[in-house]
Amino acid sequence: MGNHPCSTRKVNVTYRLTTPWEWETWITADNLNSPYSRLAGRPITGGTYTGVTNPFLTDIPRGVTLLVNGTTVTATRFPYQDDIADADAVYMGGHNYEVDDQAAQILIDAGYGDYLEPI
């Protein structure tokens, strides 16, 4: 658990991790999650792109949690408590973290380099 963000060990922080996110579309009139994310914020009157923007669909960004076990990184929007407890490192979705070179390299190797920024 040495790489866990809540760990008290001192590390040389060299990167800022901004966890990934996904768009989730809601139908505001019915308060329902909708699979029509491609329509939110886009003109759809008459089924064309030239109509007015639909006021009943809204996109909401949702954070994606990254669970690190060794060199394996698993992304999930709904992490289980046991998975969090068993992980070597946990980066909860919707947050920024400062990470050292070793943690950054694991994330880069797993394809999450776009979410890292040198500091």
Protein backbone atom coordinates (compact mmCIF):
# COMPACT_ATOMS: atom_id res chain seq x y z
CA MET A 1 0.00 0.00 0.00
CA GLY A 2 3.05 2.30 -0.27
CA ASN A 3 1.74 3.98 -3.45
CA HIS A 4 -1.74 4.56 -2.06
CA PRO A 5 -2.60 8.28 -2.32
CA CYS A 6 -3.44 8.32 1.38
CA SER A 7 -0.01 6.93 2.28
CA THR A 8 2.19 9.04 4.56
CA ARG A 9 5.48 8.12 2.85
CA LYS A 10 7.45 10.98 1.31
CA VAL A 11 7.89 10.91 -2.48
CA ASN A 12 9.29 13.26 -5.08
CA VAL A 13 6.22 14.43 -6.91
CA THR A 14 6.82 15.13 -10.57
CA TYR A 15 3.42 14.69 -12.28
CA ARG A 16 -0.17 15.81 -11.79
CA LEU A 17 -2.77 13.17 -12.63
CA THR A 18 -6.24 14.34 -13.61
CA THR A 19 -8.42 11.25 -13.59
CA PRO A 20 -10.39 10.42 -16.73
CA TRP A 21 -14.08 11.17 -17.12
CA GLU A 22 -16.96 10.03 -19.31
CA TRP A 23 -20.02 11.92 -20.50
CA GLU A 24 -23.33 10.73 -19.15
CA THR A 25 -26.48 12.10 -20.76
CA TRP A 26 -29.66 12.76 -18.84
CA ILE A 27 -33.16 13.58 -20.03
CA THR A 28 -33.90 16.53 -17.77
CA ALA A 29 -37.69 16.37 -18.03
CA ASP A 30 -37.82 12.80 -16.69
CA ASN A 31 -34.57 12.72 -14.68
CA LEU A 32 -33.47 9.61 -16.59
CA ASN A 33 -30.05 8.48 -17.80
CA SER A 34 -30.18 8.33 -21.60
CA PRO A 35 -28.16 6.43 -24.21
CA TYR A 36 -28.55 9.39 -26.60
CA SER A 37 -25.33 11.19 -25.63
CA ARG A 38 -24.62 12.00 -29.29
CA LEU A 39 -27.72 14.23 -29.26
CA ALA A 40 -27.11 16.30 -26.12
CA GLY A 41 -26.27 19.91 -26.83
CA ARG A 42 -26.82 19.45 -30.56
CA PRO A 43 -29.63 20.80 -32.75
CA ILE A 44 -32.06 17.98 -33.55
CA THR A 45 -35.35 19.61 -34.62
CA GLY A 46 -36.66 17.75 -37.64
CA GLY A 47 -33.87 15.21 -37.32
CA THR A 48 -31.29 17.58 -38.79
CA TYR A 49 -28.29 19.42 -37.46
CA THR A 50 -29.83 22.78 -38.38
CA GLY A 51 -32.60 22.79 -35.75
CA VAL A 52 -32.64 24.23 -32.24
CA THR A 53 -30.73 22.65 -29.35
CA ASN A 54 -32.82 20.15 -27.41
CA PRO A 55 -33.44 21.63 -23.94
CA PHE A 56 -34.36 18.25 -22.46
CA LEU A 57 -30.99 16.52 -22.85
CA THR A 58 -27.95 17.48 -20.81
CA ASP A 59 -24.43 16.01 -20.61
CA ILE A 60 -22.84 15.50 -17.21
CA PRO A 61 -19.16 14.51 -16.88
CA ARG A 62 -18.63 11.56 -14.53
CA GLY A 63 -15.25 10.70 -13.03
CA VAL A 64 -13.55 7.38 -13.73
CA THR A 65 -11.57 5.75 -10.91
CA LEU A 66 -8.19 4.16 -11.66
CA LEU A 67 -7.23 1.11 -9.58
CA VAL A 68 -3.56 0.09 -9.78
CA ASN A 69 -2.43 -3.46 -8.91
CA GLY A 70 1.23 -3.95 -9.71
CA THR A 71 1.52 -2.75 -13.30
CA THR A 72 -2.15 -3.35 -14.13
CA VAL A 73 -4.48 -0.35 -14.20
CA THR A 74 -8.24 -0.89 -14.16
CA ALA A 75 -10.65 1.94 -14.94
CA THR A 76 -14.13 1.88 -13.42
CA ARG A 77 -16.89 4.36 -12.68
CA PHE A 78 -18.20 2.25 -9.81
CA PRO A 79 -15.32 0.83 -7.73
CA TYR A 80 -16.16 -1.80 -5.12
CA GLN A 81 -14.90 -1.29 -1.56
CA ASP A 82 -12.92 -4.55 -1.66
CA ASP A 83 -11.25 -3.53 -4.94
CA ILE A 84 -10.26 -0.19 -3.40
CA ALA A 85 -8.90 -1.91 -0.27
CA ASP A 86 -6.93 -4.47 -2.32
CA ALA A 87 -5.38 -1.97 -4.77
CA ASP A 88 -1.77 -0.83 -4.56
CA ALA A 89 -2.92 2.67 -5.57
CA VAL A 90 -6.34 4.25 -5.96
CA TYR A 91 -7.07 7.41 -7.93
CA MET A 92 -10.73 8.26 -7.40
CA GLY A 93 -12.52 9.73 -10.40
CA GLY A 94 -13.11 13.45 -10.47
CA HIS A 95 -9.94 14.34 -8.56
CA ASN A 96 -6.38 15.51 -9.21
CA TYR A 97 -3.38 13.75 -7.72
CA GLU A 98 0.33 14.46 -7.56
CA VAL A 99 2.29 11.30 -8.36
CA ASP A 100 5.94 10.30 -8.53
CA ASP A 101 7.86 8.99 -11.55
CA GLN A 102 7.20 5.33 -10.71
CA ALA A 103 3.42 5.76 -10.46
CA ALA A 104 3.43 7.95 -13.59
CA GLN A 105 5.31 5.32 -15.58
CA ILE A 106 2.77 2.65 -14.62
CA LEU A 107 -0.05 4.92 -15.80
CA ILE A 108 1.80 5.82 -19.03
CA ASP A 109 2.48 2.15 -19.81
CA ALA A 110 -1.22 1.38 -19.24
CA GLY A 111 -2.28 4.06 -21.74
CA TYR A 112 -3.16 6.88 -19.36
CA GLY A 113 -0.30 9.23 -20.27
CA ASP A 114 -2.72 11.84 -21.65
CA TYR A 115 -4.02 12.37 -18.11
CA LEU A 116 -0.57 13.23 -16.71
CA GLU A 117 1.02 16.66 -16.69
CA PRO A 118 4.64 17.31 -15.58
CA ILE A 119 4.92 19.73 -12.67
